[in-house]
Each structure stands twice: as C-alpha cells, then as structure tokens.
Amino acid sequence: MDVHRYVNQRTPDRHLPVLVVPALLLVSVICGAGLGVVWAELMRQDCRMQSACPGCPGIVCFELAFSADAARSMLDRWGGPGIEAAQESLRLDGWFICCYVGLIAALAQLPARLRPLGGGEAPHLGLAPGVWTRAGPWVAAAAGVAGLLDVIENQALGRIIADHASSGDRLPLIAGLAASVKLALVIPAALYALVALVSVIITLRSARSRPRLRS
C-alpha cells in the first residue's frame, strides 16, 4: 500500500512531510489503545462504586449534580470505598482526556490529507467534500476545548470531594456546566472522527484494489 500517493497535493499541504499520514495513523493507534486501557480501568472503578453502594448514581451523575445538596447526597451514599473509587476515577481521567483528545484530533486531520489515485477527494459519505475536509481542524480544536473543560470539571469535582461537607453550589455548578459543554463538543467531534476513520479505511482499501500507476 503506497500511502504517499494519497498525500493531498494541493498548495497549502504540498510542503508537509510525506510521513504526515502514517504519523497521524500511528498517533490514532496509540491513543486508541490507551483509551481502551484507561476505559477498562474506569469501568473497574465504577464497579467498585456500585459494589460499595448498589444502585447509587455513578460518576457521570456526580459530574452533572449542579448543586451542593445533590453532590453531598451522592457522596454520603457512596461512603468511604465509593469516594475512594471516585477519586481514583478522577486521577485516571487525566489519561483518558489525553487519549480521547489525541485520537479525535489525529483522525479529524486525516480526510484532508488523503485522496484517491488520479485526484479528487477522499470518500466523504454524503457530505460536501469541501465542507468535509475543512471541518477537520475545527473538530480537532473542539476536542481540545472539550479536554480543557474536562480538566476544569475534574478540578472542581476533586475540590467537592475533598471538602464536601462545607462546599457551596459554585463548584458543582462549574463542574456541571463544564461537563455539559464538554459533552456537547466531544460527542459530535467523536462522531466526525469515527466517520473520518471509515472514510480513510475506504480510501486505503481502494488504493490496494487498484493497479499501481507506471511512471
């Protein structure tokens, strides 16, 4: 498979290193693998919380508590083991943020870097080709903003856990707003990245099925 033939040759990109596409694919693989590992550990911590308090709200409900009373109620129901699991989840979430931001950003850049042999655009699955490729950098930026909001949210949640007996509504409100905007950004960004991955797979499979051009 000659990936170099698929590097976009348009003027803005032609001076990019020829290894940009393999590099983006490598970043995607590394971040995707890391995301899977961290996700499995986060699920293990969620199981710990459920074992400590069967039927209690999970960490996502805690993120969206929005008020001190709701946050305190969850923490009281979790008890010591559940709170420890929540704290461990927040620590792991730092790695989760790095992985999902890196994965989405890398995949979002790929459609603009590939094209089929003979010119044209990479498959865009019904979207206008120009809109499809130009959206990539904006999607990557949205993932970065979502990651920053996730960090803010985690800091607020950590402070709520550390001092939940006397914390007011400000921190739960900050955490809830940050989590809401984060989800509003990361869900469509992740969908774009998934479609971009399918688009790239179609492009590369098409490359393998075509005969090489003779020079």
N, C-alpha and C. Protein backbone atom coordinates (compact mmCIF):
# COMPACT_ATOMS: atom_id res chain seq x y z
N MET A 1 0.86 -1.21 0.00
CA MET A 1 0.00 0.00 0.00
C MET A 1 0.88 1.24 0.00
N ASP A 2 0.70 2.05 -1.05
CA ASP A 2 1.52 3.25 -1.20
C ASP A 2 0.76 4.44 -0.64
N VAL A 3 0.94 4.68 0.66
CA VAL A 3 0.21 5.77 1.32
C VAL A 3 0.65 7.11 0.78
N HIS A 4 1.92 7.22 0.38
CA HIS A 4 2.45 8.51 -0.06
C HIS A 4 1.70 9.04 -1.28
N ARG A 5 1.13 8.16 -2.10
CA ARG A 5 0.39 8.62 -3.26
C ARG A 5 -0.88 9.34 -2.87
N TYR A 6 -1.29 9.16 -1.59
CA TYR A 6 -2.57 9.71 -1.15
C TYR A 6 -2.40 11.00 -0.35
N VAL A 7 -1.19 11.46 -0.19
CA VAL A 7 -1.00 12.73 0.49
C VAL A 7 -1.55 13.84 -0.38
N ASN A 8 -2.37 14.68 0.20
CA ASN A 8 -3.02 15.75 -0.56
C ASN A 8 -1.97 16.64 -1.19
N GLN A 9 -2.13 16.88 -2.51
CA GLN A 9 -1.13 17.64 -3.26
C GLN A 9 -1.51 19.10 -3.45
N ARG A 10 -2.62 19.55 -2.82
CA ARG A 10 -3.00 20.94 -3.00
C ARG A 10 -1.96 21.87 -2.39
N THR A 11 -1.92 23.09 -2.85
CA THR A 11 -0.87 24.03 -2.49
C THR A 11 -0.65 24.17 -0.99
N PRO A 12 -1.70 24.31 -0.13
CA PRO A 12 -1.45 24.52 1.28
C PRO A 12 -0.72 23.37 1.95
N ASP A 13 -0.83 22.13 1.36
CA ASP A 13 -0.30 20.97 2.05
C ASP A 13 0.93 20.35 1.39
N ARG A 14 1.31 20.80 0.23
CA ARG A 14 2.32 20.05 -0.51
C ARG A 14 3.70 20.11 0.10
N HIS A 15 3.94 21.04 1.01
CA HIS A 15 5.25 21.11 1.65
C HIS A 15 5.29 20.34 2.96
N LEU A 16 4.18 19.71 3.33
CA LEU A 16 4.17 18.92 4.56
C LEU A 16 5.06 17.69 4.37
N PRO A 17 5.64 17.17 5.47
CA PRO A 17 6.44 15.95 5.35
C PRO A 17 5.60 14.80 4.80
N VAL A 18 6.22 13.95 4.00
CA VAL A 18 5.48 12.86 3.37
C VAL A 18 5.01 11.84 4.40
N LEU A 19 5.55 11.86 5.60
CA LEU A 19 5.16 10.90 6.62
C LEU A 19 4.01 11.40 7.50
N VAL A 20 3.36 12.50 7.12
CA VAL A 20 2.32 13.06 7.98
C VAL A 20 1.16 12.08 8.15
N VAL A 21 0.75 11.40 7.08
CA VAL A 21 -0.38 10.47 7.19
C VAL A 21 -0.02 9.26 8.05
N PRO A 22 1.11 8.58 7.80
CA PRO A 22 1.48 7.50 8.71
C PRO A 22 1.62 7.95 10.16
N ALA A 23 2.12 9.18 10.37
CA ALA A 23 2.26 9.69 11.73
C ALA A 23 0.90 9.86 12.40
N LEU A 24 -0.07 10.41 11.64
CA LEU A 24 -1.42 10.56 12.19
C LEU A 24 -2.04 9.21 12.49
N LEU A 25 -1.82 8.24 11.62
CA LEU A 25 -2.34 6.90 11.87
C LEU A 25 -1.69 6.28 13.11
N LEU A 26 -0.39 6.49 13.27
CA LEU A 26 0.30 5.96 14.44
C LEU A 26 -0.22 6.58 15.73
N VAL A 27 -0.41 7.91 15.72
CA VAL A 27 -0.97 8.59 16.89
C VAL A 27 -2.36 8.05 17.20
N SER A 28 -3.16 7.82 16.16
CA SER A 28 -4.51 7.28 16.35
C SER A 28 -4.47 5.91 17.01
N VAL A 29 -3.57 5.06 16.55
CA VAL A 29 -3.46 3.71 17.11
C VAL A 29 -3.03 3.78 18.58
N ILE A 30 -2.01 4.58 18.87
CA ILE A 30 -1.51 4.69 20.24
C ILE A 30 -2.59 5.25 21.17
N CYS A 31 -3.22 6.33 20.74
CA CYS A 31 -4.26 6.95 21.58
C CYS A 31 -5.47 6.04 21.72
N GLY A 32 -5.82 5.34 20.64
CA GLY A 32 -6.95 4.42 20.71
C GLY A 32 -6.68 3.27 21.67
N ALA A 33 -5.46 2.73 21.63
CA ALA A 33 -5.10 1.66 22.56
C ALA A 33 -5.11 2.16 24.00
N GLY A 34 -4.53 3.35 24.21
CA GLY A 34 -4.53 3.92 25.55
C GLY A 34 -5.94 4.19 26.06
N LEU A 35 -6.81 4.65 25.15
CA LEU A 35 -8.19 4.93 25.52
C LEU A 35 -8.88 3.65 26.00
N GLY A 36 -8.63 2.56 25.29
CA GLY A 36 -9.24 1.29 25.69
C GLY A 36 -8.76 0.82 27.05
N VAL A 37 -7.47 0.96 27.31
CA VAL A 37 -6.91 0.53 28.60
C VAL A 37 -7.48 1.37 29.74
N VAL A 38 -7.49 2.70 29.55
CA VAL A 38 -7.99 3.57 30.62
C VAL A 38 -9.48 3.38 30.82
N TRP A 39 -10.22 3.21 29.73
CA TRP A 39 -11.66 2.99 29.83
C TRP A 39 -11.95 1.74 30.66
N ALA A 40 -11.19 0.66 30.42
CA ALA A 40 -11.40 -0.57 31.19
C ALA A 40 -11.16 -0.33 32.67
N GLU A 41 -10.14 0.46 33.01
CA GLU A 41 -9.85 0.75 34.41
C GLU A 41 -10.94 1.65 35.01
N LEU A 42 -11.43 2.60 34.24
CA LEU A 42 -12.53 3.44 34.72
C LEU A 42 -13.77 2.60 35.00
N MET A 43 -14.05 1.62 34.15
CA MET A 43 -15.19 0.74 34.38
C MET A 43 -14.98 -0.09 35.64
N ARG A 44 -13.73 -0.46 35.91
CA ARG A 44 -13.44 -1.22 37.13
C ARG A 44 -13.72 -0.36 38.37
N GLN A 45 -13.36 0.92 38.30
CA GLN A 45 -13.64 1.81 39.42
C GLN A 45 -15.15 2.04 39.58
N ASP A 46 -15.86 2.10 38.46
CA ASP A 46 -17.32 2.24 38.54
C ASP A 46 -17.94 1.02 39.20
N CYS A 47 -17.40 -0.16 38.90
CA CYS A 47 -17.89 -1.39 39.56
C CYS A 47 -17.61 -1.34 41.06
N ARG A 48 -16.47 -0.78 41.45
CA ARG A 48 -16.17 -0.61 42.87
C ARG A 48 -17.20 0.28 43.54
N MET A 49 -17.58 1.37 42.86
CA MET A 49 -18.58 2.28 43.41
C MET A 49 -19.92 1.58 43.55
N GLN A 50 -20.29 0.79 42.55
CA GLN A 50 -21.56 0.08 42.60
C GLN A 50 -21.56 -1.01 43.67
N SER A 51 -20.39 -1.61 43.89
CA SER A 51 -20.28 -2.61 44.96
C SER A 51 -20.42 -1.97 46.33
N ALA A 52 -19.84 -0.77 46.47
CA ALA A 52 -19.94 -0.06 47.75
C ALA A 52 -21.35 0.45 48.00
N CYS A 53 -22.07 0.77 46.91
CA CYS A 53 -23.42 1.33 47.05
C CYS A 53 -24.25 0.87 45.85
N PRO A 54 -24.83 -0.34 45.92
CA PRO A 54 -25.62 -0.85 44.79
C PRO A 54 -26.77 0.09 44.45
N GLY A 55 -26.90 0.39 43.15
CA GLY A 55 -27.98 1.24 42.70
C GLY A 55 -27.73 2.73 42.85
N CYS A 56 -26.58 3.11 43.39
CA CYS A 56 -26.27 4.53 43.57
C CYS A 56 -25.88 5.17 42.24
N PRO A 57 -26.03 6.49 42.13
CA PRO A 57 -25.60 7.17 40.90
C PRO A 57 -24.10 7.00 40.67
N GLY A 58 -23.69 6.96 39.41
CA GLY A 58 -22.28 6.83 39.08
C GLY A 58 -21.59 8.17 38.97
N ILE A 59 -20.37 8.13 38.46
CA ILE A 59 -19.54 9.33 38.40
C ILE A 59 -20.11 10.36 37.43
N VAL A 60 -20.80 9.91 36.36
CA VAL A 60 -21.37 10.86 35.40
C VAL A 60 -22.48 11.68 36.06
N CYS A 61 -23.29 11.02 36.87
CA CYS A 61 -24.34 11.76 37.61
C CYS A 61 -23.71 12.76 38.57
N PHE A 62 -22.57 12.39 39.16
CA PHE A 62 -21.88 13.30 40.06
C PHE A 62 -21.36 14.52 39.30
N GLU A 63 -20.87 14.29 38.08
CA GLU A 63 -20.40 15.41 37.25
C GLU A 63 -21.52 16.41 36.97
N LEU A 64 -22.74 15.90 36.83
CA LEU A 64 -23.88 16.73 36.45
C LEU A 64 -24.80 17.02 37.63
N ALA A 65 -24.24 17.02 38.84
CA ALA A 65 -25.06 17.28 40.03
C ALA A 65 -25.60 18.71 40.05
N PHE A 66 -24.77 19.68 39.71
CA PHE A 66 -25.13 21.11 39.60
C PHE A 66 -25.40 21.80 40.94
N SER A 67 -25.62 21.06 42.00
CA SER A 67 -25.89 21.70 43.29
C SER A 67 -25.14 20.98 44.39
N ALA A 68 -24.83 21.71 45.47
CA ALA A 68 -24.10 21.13 46.59
C ALA A 68 -24.91 20.04 47.27
N ASP A 69 -26.22 20.24 47.40
CA ASP A 69 -27.05 19.23 48.06
C ASP A 69 -27.04 17.91 47.30
N ALA A 70 -27.16 17.98 45.98
CA ALA A 70 -27.14 16.75 45.17
C ALA A 70 -25.78 16.07 45.26
N ALA A 71 -24.70 16.86 45.21
CA ALA A 71 -23.36 16.28 45.29
C ALA A 71 -23.13 15.63 46.65
N ARG A 72 -23.52 16.32 47.73
CA ARG A 72 -23.35 15.75 49.07
C ARG A 72 -24.16 14.47 49.24
N SER A 73 -25.37 14.46 48.69
CA SER A 73 -26.20 13.27 48.80
C SER A 73 -25.53 12.06 48.15
N MET A 74 -24.94 12.27 46.97
CA MET A 74 -24.24 11.17 46.30
C MET A 74 -23.04 10.70 47.10
N LEU A 75 -22.25 11.65 47.60
CA LEU A 75 -21.06 11.29 48.36
C LEU A 75 -21.43 10.54 49.63
N ASP A 76 -22.48 10.97 50.31
CA ASP A 76 -22.91 10.28 51.53
C ASP A 76 -23.37 8.86 51.23
N ARG A 77 -24.03 8.68 50.11
CA ARG A 77 -24.48 7.33 49.74
C ARG A 77 -23.32 6.44 49.33
N TRP A 78 -22.31 7.02 48.68
CA TRP A 78 -21.16 6.22 48.27
C TRP A 78 -20.38 5.69 49.47
N GLY A 79 -20.22 6.53 50.47
CA GLY A 79 -19.39 6.14 51.61
C GLY A 79 -17.91 6.16 51.26
N GLY A 80 -17.09 5.71 52.22
CA GLY A 80 -15.63 5.74 52.04
C GLY A 80 -15.13 5.00 50.82
N PRO A 81 -15.48 3.71 50.61
CA PRO A 81 -14.98 2.97 49.44
C PRO A 81 -15.42 3.59 48.12
N GLY A 82 -16.66 4.07 48.07
CA GLY A 82 -17.15 4.67 46.84
C GLY A 82 -16.44 5.98 46.54
N ILE A 83 -16.16 6.76 47.58
CA ILE A 83 -15.44 8.02 47.38
C ILE A 83 -14.02 7.76 46.91
N GLU A 84 -13.38 6.74 47.48
CA GLU A 84 -12.02 6.38 47.02
C GLU A 84 -12.04 5.99 45.54
N ALA A 85 -13.07 5.24 45.13
CA ALA A 85 -13.17 4.85 43.73
C ALA A 85 -13.39 6.08 42.84
N ALA A 86 -14.20 7.04 43.32
CA ALA A 86 -14.43 8.28 42.56
C ALA A 86 -13.14 9.08 42.42
N GLN A 87 -12.35 9.16 43.49
CA GLN A 87 -11.08 9.88 43.42
C GLN A 87 -10.12 9.21 42.45
N GLU A 88 -10.10 7.89 42.45
CA GLU A 88 -9.23 7.17 41.51
C GLU A 88 -9.70 7.40 40.07
N SER A 89 -11.02 7.46 39.87
CA SER A 89 -11.55 7.74 38.54
C SER A 89 -11.11 9.11 38.05
N LEU A 90 -11.11 10.09 38.94
CA LEU A 90 -10.67 11.44 38.54
C LEU A 90 -9.19 11.45 38.18
N ARG A 91 -8.39 10.68 38.90
CA ARG A 91 -6.95 10.60 38.56
C ARG A 91 -6.76 9.95 37.19
N LEU A 92 -7.50 8.88 36.95
CA LEU A 92 -7.39 8.19 35.66
C LEU A 92 -7.91 9.05 34.51
N ASP A 93 -8.85 9.93 34.82
CA ASP A 93 -9.48 10.72 33.78
C ASP A 93 -8.48 11.65 33.09
N GLY A 94 -7.41 12.01 33.78
CA GLY A 94 -6.37 12.81 33.13
C GLY A 94 -5.79 12.09 31.92
N TRP A 95 -5.51 10.79 32.08
CA TRP A 95 -5.01 10.00 30.95
C TRP A 95 -6.09 9.81 29.89
N PHE A 96 -7.33 9.65 30.35
CA PHE A 96 -8.45 9.49 29.43
C PHE A 96 -8.59 10.72 28.54
N ILE A 97 -8.45 11.90 29.15
CA ILE A 97 -8.54 13.15 28.39
C ILE A 97 -7.45 13.21 27.31
N CYS A 98 -6.22 12.92 27.70
CA CYS A 98 -5.12 12.95 26.72
C CYS A 98 -5.39 12.01 25.56
N CYS A 99 -5.91 10.82 25.87
CA CYS A 99 -6.13 9.82 24.82
C CYS A 99 -7.26 10.22 23.89
N TYR A 100 -8.40 10.68 24.43
CA TYR A 100 -9.50 10.98 23.52
C TYR A 100 -9.25 12.25 22.71
N VAL A 101 -8.57 13.23 23.31
CA VAL A 101 -8.24 14.44 22.54
C VAL A 101 -7.26 14.09 21.42
N GLY A 102 -6.24 13.32 21.74
CA GLY A 102 -5.26 12.92 20.72
C GLY A 102 -5.88 12.09 19.61
N LEU A 103 -6.76 11.15 19.98
CA LEU A 103 -7.38 10.29 18.98
C LEU A 103 -8.29 11.08 18.05
N ILE A 104 -9.17 11.90 18.62
CA ILE A 104 -10.09 12.68 17.77
C ILE A 104 -9.31 13.66 16.89
N ALA A 105 -8.32 14.35 17.48
CA ALA A 105 -7.56 15.33 16.71
C ALA A 105 -6.82 14.68 15.55
N ALA A 106 -6.23 13.51 15.79
CA ALA A 106 -5.49 12.82 14.73
C ALA A 106 -6.42 12.34 13.62
N LEU A 107 -7.52 11.70 14.00
CA LEU A 107 -8.45 11.19 12.99
C LEU A 107 -9.10 12.32 12.20
N ALA A 108 -9.36 13.44 12.87
CA ALA A 108 -10.01 14.57 12.20
C ALA A 108 -9.14 15.19 11.12
N GLN A 109 -7.82 15.02 11.23
CA GLN A 109 -6.91 15.60 10.24
C GLN A 109 -6.75 14.72 9.00
N LEU A 110 -7.15 13.46 9.09
CA LEU A 110 -6.85 12.53 8.01
C LEU A 110 -7.62 12.79 6.70
N PRO A 111 -8.92 13.11 6.73
CA PRO A 111 -9.62 13.26 5.44
C PRO A 111 -9.00 14.30 4.52
N ALA A 112 -8.47 15.39 5.08
CA ALA A 112 -7.87 16.43 4.24
C ALA A 112 -6.50 16.02 3.71
N ARG A 113 -5.92 14.94 4.25
CA ARG A 113 -4.57 14.54 3.84
C ARG A 113 -4.57 13.42 2.81
N LEU A 114 -5.72 12.82 2.55
CA LEU A 114 -5.77 11.69 1.64
C LEU A 114 -6.65 12.01 0.45
N ARG A 115 -6.33 11.40 -0.69
CA ARG A 115 -7.20 11.48 -1.87
C ARG A 115 -6.97 10.24 -2.72
N PRO A 116 -7.95 9.83 -3.47
CA PRO A 116 -7.76 8.65 -4.32
C PRO A 116 -6.77 8.92 -5.45
N LEU A 117 -6.27 7.86 -6.02
CA LEU A 117 -5.39 7.99 -7.18
C LEU A 117 -6.12 8.73 -8.30
N GLY A 118 -5.40 9.60 -8.98
CA GLY A 118 -5.98 10.33 -10.09
C GLY A 118 -6.65 11.62 -9.67
N GLY A 119 -6.54 12.00 -8.40
CA GLY A 119 -7.12 13.26 -7.95
C GLY A 119 -8.45 13.05 -7.26
N GLY A 120 -9.12 14.16 -6.92
CA GLY A 120 -10.40 14.09 -6.25
C GLY A 120 -10.25 14.11 -4.75
N GLU A 121 -11.36 13.88 -4.08
CA GLU A 121 -11.40 13.92 -2.63
C GLU A 121 -11.50 12.51 -2.07
N ALA A 122 -11.10 12.38 -0.82
CA ALA A 122 -11.34 11.13 -0.12
C ALA A 122 -12.84 10.96 0.07
N PRO A 123 -13.33 9.70 0.23
CA PRO A 123 -14.76 9.49 0.44
C PRO A 123 -15.27 10.35 1.58
N HIS A 124 -16.43 11.00 1.36
CA HIS A 124 -16.94 11.91 2.38
C HIS A 124 -18.33 11.52 2.85
N LEU A 125 -18.83 10.34 2.41
CA LEU A 125 -20.06 9.74 2.91
C LEU A 125 -21.25 10.70 2.87
N GLY A 126 -21.45 11.35 1.72
CA GLY A 126 -22.61 12.18 1.52
C GLY A 126 -22.46 13.64 1.90
N LEU A 127 -21.37 14.00 2.57
CA LEU A 127 -21.15 15.40 2.92
C LEU A 127 -20.45 16.12 1.77
N ALA A 128 -20.68 17.44 1.67
CA ALA A 128 -19.98 18.22 0.65
C ALA A 128 -18.48 18.09 0.87
N PRO A 129 -17.71 17.70 -0.16
CA PRO A 129 -16.28 17.42 0.04
C PRO A 129 -15.51 18.58 0.68
N GLY A 130 -15.76 19.81 0.20
CA GLY A 130 -15.03 20.94 0.77
C GLY A 130 -15.34 21.15 2.23
N VAL A 131 -16.63 21.04 2.59
CA VAL A 131 -17.04 21.19 3.99
C VAL A 131 -16.43 20.07 4.84
N TRP A 132 -16.45 18.86 4.27
CA TRP A 132 -15.95 17.69 5.00
C TRP A 132 -14.48 17.86 5.38
N THR A 133 -13.64 18.26 4.43
CA THR A 133 -12.22 18.36 4.72
C THR A 133 -11.89 19.60 5.55
N ARG A 134 -12.60 20.71 5.32
CA ARG A 134 -12.31 21.92 6.08
C ARG A 134 -12.77 21.80 7.54
N ALA A 135 -13.69 20.90 7.80
CA ALA A 135 -14.19 20.76 9.18
C ALA A 135 -13.17 20.10 10.10
N GLY A 136 -12.20 19.37 9.53
CA GLY A 136 -11.26 18.62 10.35
C GLY A 136 -10.54 19.43 11.41
N PRO A 137 -9.88 20.55 11.03
CA PRO A 137 -9.19 21.35 12.06
C PRO A 137 -10.13 21.90 13.13
N TRP A 138 -11.37 22.23 12.75
CA TRP A 138 -12.33 22.73 13.72
C TRP A 138 -12.74 21.63 14.69
N VAL A 139 -12.88 20.43 14.17
CA VAL A 139 -13.21 19.29 15.03
C VAL A 139 -12.08 19.01 16.01
N ALA A 140 -10.84 19.07 15.51
CA ALA A 140 -9.68 18.87 16.39
C ALA A 140 -9.64 19.94 17.48
N ALA A 141 -9.95 21.19 17.10
CA ALA A 141 -9.98 22.27 18.09
C ALA A 141 -11.09 22.05 19.11
N ALA A 142 -12.25 21.58 18.65
CA ALA A 142 -13.36 21.30 19.56
C ALA A 142 -12.97 20.23 20.57
N ALA A 143 -12.24 19.22 20.12
CA ALA A 143 -11.78 18.17 21.03
C ALA A 143 -10.83 18.74 22.07
N GLY A 144 -9.95 19.66 21.64
CA GLY A 144 -9.04 20.30 22.59
C GLY A 144 -9.77 21.12 23.64
N VAL A 145 -10.79 21.87 23.20
CA VAL A 145 -11.58 22.66 24.15
C VAL A 145 -12.33 21.74 25.11
N ALA A 146 -12.87 20.64 24.58
CA ALA A 146 -13.55 19.67 25.43
C ALA A 146 -12.60 19.11 26.49
N GLY A 147 -11.36 18.82 26.08
CA GLY A 147 -10.38 18.32 27.04
C GLY A 147 -10.08 19.33 28.12
N LEU A 148 -9.96 20.61 27.74
CA LEU A 148 -9.71 21.66 28.73
C LEU A 148 -10.88 21.78 29.71
N LEU A 149 -12.10 21.72 29.20
CA LEU A 149 -13.28 21.76 30.06
C LEU A 149 -13.32 20.55 30.99
N ASP A 150 -12.87 19.41 30.49
CA ASP A 150 -12.81 18.20 31.31
C ASP A 150 -11.85 18.38 32.48
N VAL A 151 -10.72 19.03 32.22
CA VAL A 151 -9.76 19.31 33.29
C VAL A 151 -10.38 20.23 34.34
N ILE A 152 -11.05 21.29 33.88
CA ILE A 152 -11.72 22.21 34.81
C ILE A 152 -12.75 21.46 35.65
N GLU A 153 -13.53 20.65 34.99
CA GLU A 153 -14.55 19.84 35.67
C GLU A 153 -13.92 18.95 36.74
N ASN A 154 -12.83 18.27 36.38
CA ASN A 154 -12.19 17.36 37.33
C ASN A 154 -11.62 18.10 38.54
N GLN A 155 -11.07 19.29 38.31
CA GLN A 155 -10.56 20.08 39.43
C GLN A 155 -11.69 20.46 40.38
N ALA A 156 -12.83 20.87 39.81
CA ALA A 156 -13.97 21.23 40.65
C ALA A 156 -14.49 20.02 41.42
N LEU A 157 -14.58 18.88 40.75
CA LEU A 157 -15.08 17.67 41.42
C LEU A 157 -14.14 17.23 42.53
N GLY A 158 -12.83 17.33 42.26
CA GLY A 158 -11.86 16.96 43.30
C GLY A 158 -12.00 17.83 44.54
N ARG A 159 -12.24 19.11 44.35
CA ARG A 159 -12.42 20.02 45.50
C ARG A 159 -13.73 19.74 46.23
N ILE A 160 -14.76 19.36 45.48
CA ILE A 160 -16.03 19.00 46.13
C ILE A 160 -15.84 17.77 47.02
N ILE A 161 -15.14 16.77 46.51
CA ILE A 161 -14.91 15.55 47.30
C ILE A 161 -14.07 15.86 48.52
N ALA A 162 -13.04 16.69 48.35
CA ALA A 162 -12.14 16.99 49.46
C ALA A 162 -12.84 17.77 50.57
N ASP A 163 -13.84 18.57 50.22
CA ASP A 163 -14.49 19.42 51.24
C ASP A 163 -16.00 19.45 51.01
N HIS A 164 -16.59 18.27 50.87
CA HIS A 164 -18.00 18.23 50.51
C HIS A 164 -18.92 18.67 51.64
N ALA A 165 -18.43 18.62 52.86
CA ALA A 165 -19.28 18.99 54.00
C ALA A 165 -19.62 20.48 53.98
N SER A 166 -18.70 21.30 53.45
CA SER A 166 -18.92 22.75 53.51
C SER A 166 -18.91 23.43 52.14
N SER A 167 -18.82 22.66 51.07
CA SER A 167 -18.76 23.29 49.74
C SER A 167 -20.14 23.83 49.37
N GLY A 168 -20.14 24.99 48.70
CA GLY A 168 -21.38 25.60 48.27
C GLY A 168 -21.78 25.13 46.88
N ASP A 169 -22.69 25.87 46.26
CA ASP A 169 -23.18 25.49 44.95
C ASP A 169 -22.26 25.90 43.80
N ARG A 170 -21.25 26.75 44.08
CA ARG A 170 -20.43 27.28 43.00
C ARG A 170 -19.66 26.17 42.29
N LEU A 171 -18.97 25.31 43.04
CA LEU A 171 -18.17 24.26 42.42
C LEU A 171 -19.02 23.24 41.67
N PRO A 172 -20.13 22.74 42.26
CA PRO A 172 -20.98 21.83 41.48
C PRO A 172 -21.53 22.48 40.21
N LEU A 173 -21.82 23.77 40.27
CA LEU A 173 -22.32 24.46 39.09
C LEU A 173 -21.24 24.54 38.02
N ILE A 174 -20.01 24.89 38.45
CA ILE A 174 -18.89 24.94 37.49
C ILE A 174 -18.67 23.58 36.86
N ALA A 175 -18.66 22.52 37.69
CA ALA A 175 -18.44 21.17 37.17
C ALA A 175 -19.56 20.76 36.22
N GLY A 176 -20.80 21.08 36.58
CA GLY A 176 -21.92 20.70 35.73
C GLY A 176 -21.92 21.42 34.40
N LEU A 177 -21.63 22.72 34.42
CA LEU A 177 -21.58 23.48 33.17
C LEU A 177 -20.44 23.00 32.29
N ALA A 178 -19.26 22.79 32.91
CA ALA A 178 -18.11 22.31 32.13
C ALA A 178 -18.40 20.95 31.51
N ALA A 179 -19.03 20.06 32.29
CA ALA A 179 -19.35 18.73 31.78
C ALA A 179 -20.37 18.81 30.65
N SER A 180 -21.36 19.69 30.78
CA SER A 180 -22.40 19.80 29.75
C SER A 180 -21.82 20.31 28.43
N VAL A 181 -21.00 21.37 28.50
CA VAL A 181 -20.41 21.90 27.27
C VAL A 181 -19.41 20.90 26.68
N LYS A 182 -18.67 20.23 27.55
CA LYS A 182 -17.73 19.20 27.09
C LYS A 182 -18.46 18.14 26.28
N LEU A 183 -19.55 17.63 26.81
CA LEU A 183 -20.30 16.59 26.10
C LEU A 183 -20.87 17.11 24.79
N ALA A 184 -21.33 18.37 24.80
CA ALA A 184 -21.87 18.96 23.57
C ALA A 184 -20.81 19.09 22.49
N LEU A 185 -19.55 19.23 22.88
CA LEU A 185 -18.45 19.33 21.92
C LEU A 185 -17.91 17.96 21.52
N VAL A 186 -17.71 17.10 22.51
CA VAL A 186 -16.97 15.87 22.24
C VAL A 186 -17.82 14.83 21.52
N ILE A 187 -19.13 14.83 21.73
CA ILE A 187 -19.96 13.82 21.06
C ILE A 187 -19.96 14.01 19.55
N PRO A 188 -20.29 15.21 19.02
CA PRO A 188 -20.20 15.37 17.56
C PRO A 188 -18.78 15.24 17.03
N ALA A 189 -17.79 15.68 17.82
CA ALA A 189 -16.39 15.53 17.38
C ALA A 189 -16.03 14.05 17.26
N ALA A 190 -16.46 13.24 18.21
CA ALA A 190 -16.17 11.80 18.16
C ALA A 190 -16.88 11.15 16.98
N LEU A 191 -18.11 11.59 16.68
CA LEU A 191 -18.82 11.04 15.53
C LEU A 191 -18.10 11.40 14.23
N TYR A 192 -17.61 12.65 14.13
CA TYR A 192 -16.84 13.05 12.95
C TYR A 192 -15.59 12.18 12.82
N ALA A 193 -14.91 11.97 13.95
CA ALA A 193 -13.69 11.16 13.92
C ALA A 193 -13.99 9.73 13.49
N LEU A 194 -15.12 9.19 13.94
CA LEU A 194 -15.49 7.82 13.55
C LEU A 194 -15.76 7.74 12.05
N VAL A 195 -16.52 8.72 11.52
CA VAL A 195 -16.79 8.74 10.09
C VAL A 195 -15.49 8.96 9.31
N ALA A 196 -14.61 9.80 9.84
CA ALA A 196 -13.31 10.02 9.19
C ALA A 196 -12.51 8.73 9.11
N LEU A 197 -12.55 7.95 10.18
CA LEU A 197 -11.84 6.67 10.18
C LEU A 197 -12.40 5.74 9.11
N VAL A 198 -13.73 5.67 9.01
CA VAL A 198 -14.35 4.85 7.96
C VAL A 198 -13.94 5.36 6.58
N SER A 199 -13.91 6.68 6.43
CA SER A 199 -13.52 7.28 5.16
C SER A 199 -12.10 6.89 4.78
N VAL A 200 -11.20 6.93 5.75
CA VAL A 200 -9.80 6.59 5.49
C VAL A 200 -9.66 5.11 5.14
N ILE A 201 -10.39 4.26 5.85
CA ILE A 201 -10.34 2.82 5.55
C ILE A 201 -10.80 2.56 4.13
N ILE A 202 -11.90 3.24 3.72
CA ILE A 202 -12.39 3.08 2.34
C ILE A 202 -11.33 3.53 1.34
N THR A 203 -10.69 4.66 1.63
CA THR A 203 -9.67 5.19 0.72
C THR A 203 -8.50 4.23 0.58
N LEU A 204 -8.01 3.72 1.70
CA LEU A 204 -6.84 2.85 1.65
C LEU A 204 -7.17 1.49 1.04
N ARG A 205 -8.38 0.99 1.30
CA ARG A 205 -8.79 -0.27 0.65
C ARG A 205 -8.91 -0.08 -0.85
N SER A 206 -9.40 1.09 -1.26
CA SER A 206 -9.48 1.39 -2.68
C SER A 206 -8.09 1.45 -3.30
N ALA A 207 -7.13 1.98 -2.55
CA ALA A 207 -5.76 2.07 -3.05
C ALA A 207 -5.18 0.68 -3.31
N ARG A 208 -5.46 -0.24 -2.43
CA ARG A 208 -4.90 -1.59 -2.56
C ARG A 208 -5.53 -2.35 -3.72
N SER A 209 -6.79 -2.00 -4.02
CA SER A 209 -7.51 -2.74 -5.07
C SER A 209 -7.19 -2.24 -6.47
N ARG A 210 -6.53 -1.06 -6.56
CA ARG A 210 -6.21 -0.51 -7.89
C ARG A 210 -4.80 -0.89 -8.30
N PRO A 211 -4.56 -1.10 -9.59
CA PRO A 211 -3.18 -1.37 -10.05
C PRO A 211 -2.31 -0.15 -9.87
N ARG A 212 -1.04 -0.37 -9.57
CA ARG A 212 -0.10 0.74 -9.45
C ARG A 212 0.07 1.43 -10.80
N LEU A 213 0.19 2.76 -10.74
CA LEU A 213 0.45 3.52 -11.97
C LEU A 213 1.91 3.38 -12.37
N ARG A 214 2.12 3.12 -13.65
CA ARG A 214 3.51 3.04 -14.12
C ARG A 214 4.03 4.42 -14.42
N SER A 215 5.24 4.70 -14.02
CA SER A 215 5.83 6.01 -14.30
C SER A 215 6.43 6.02 -15.70
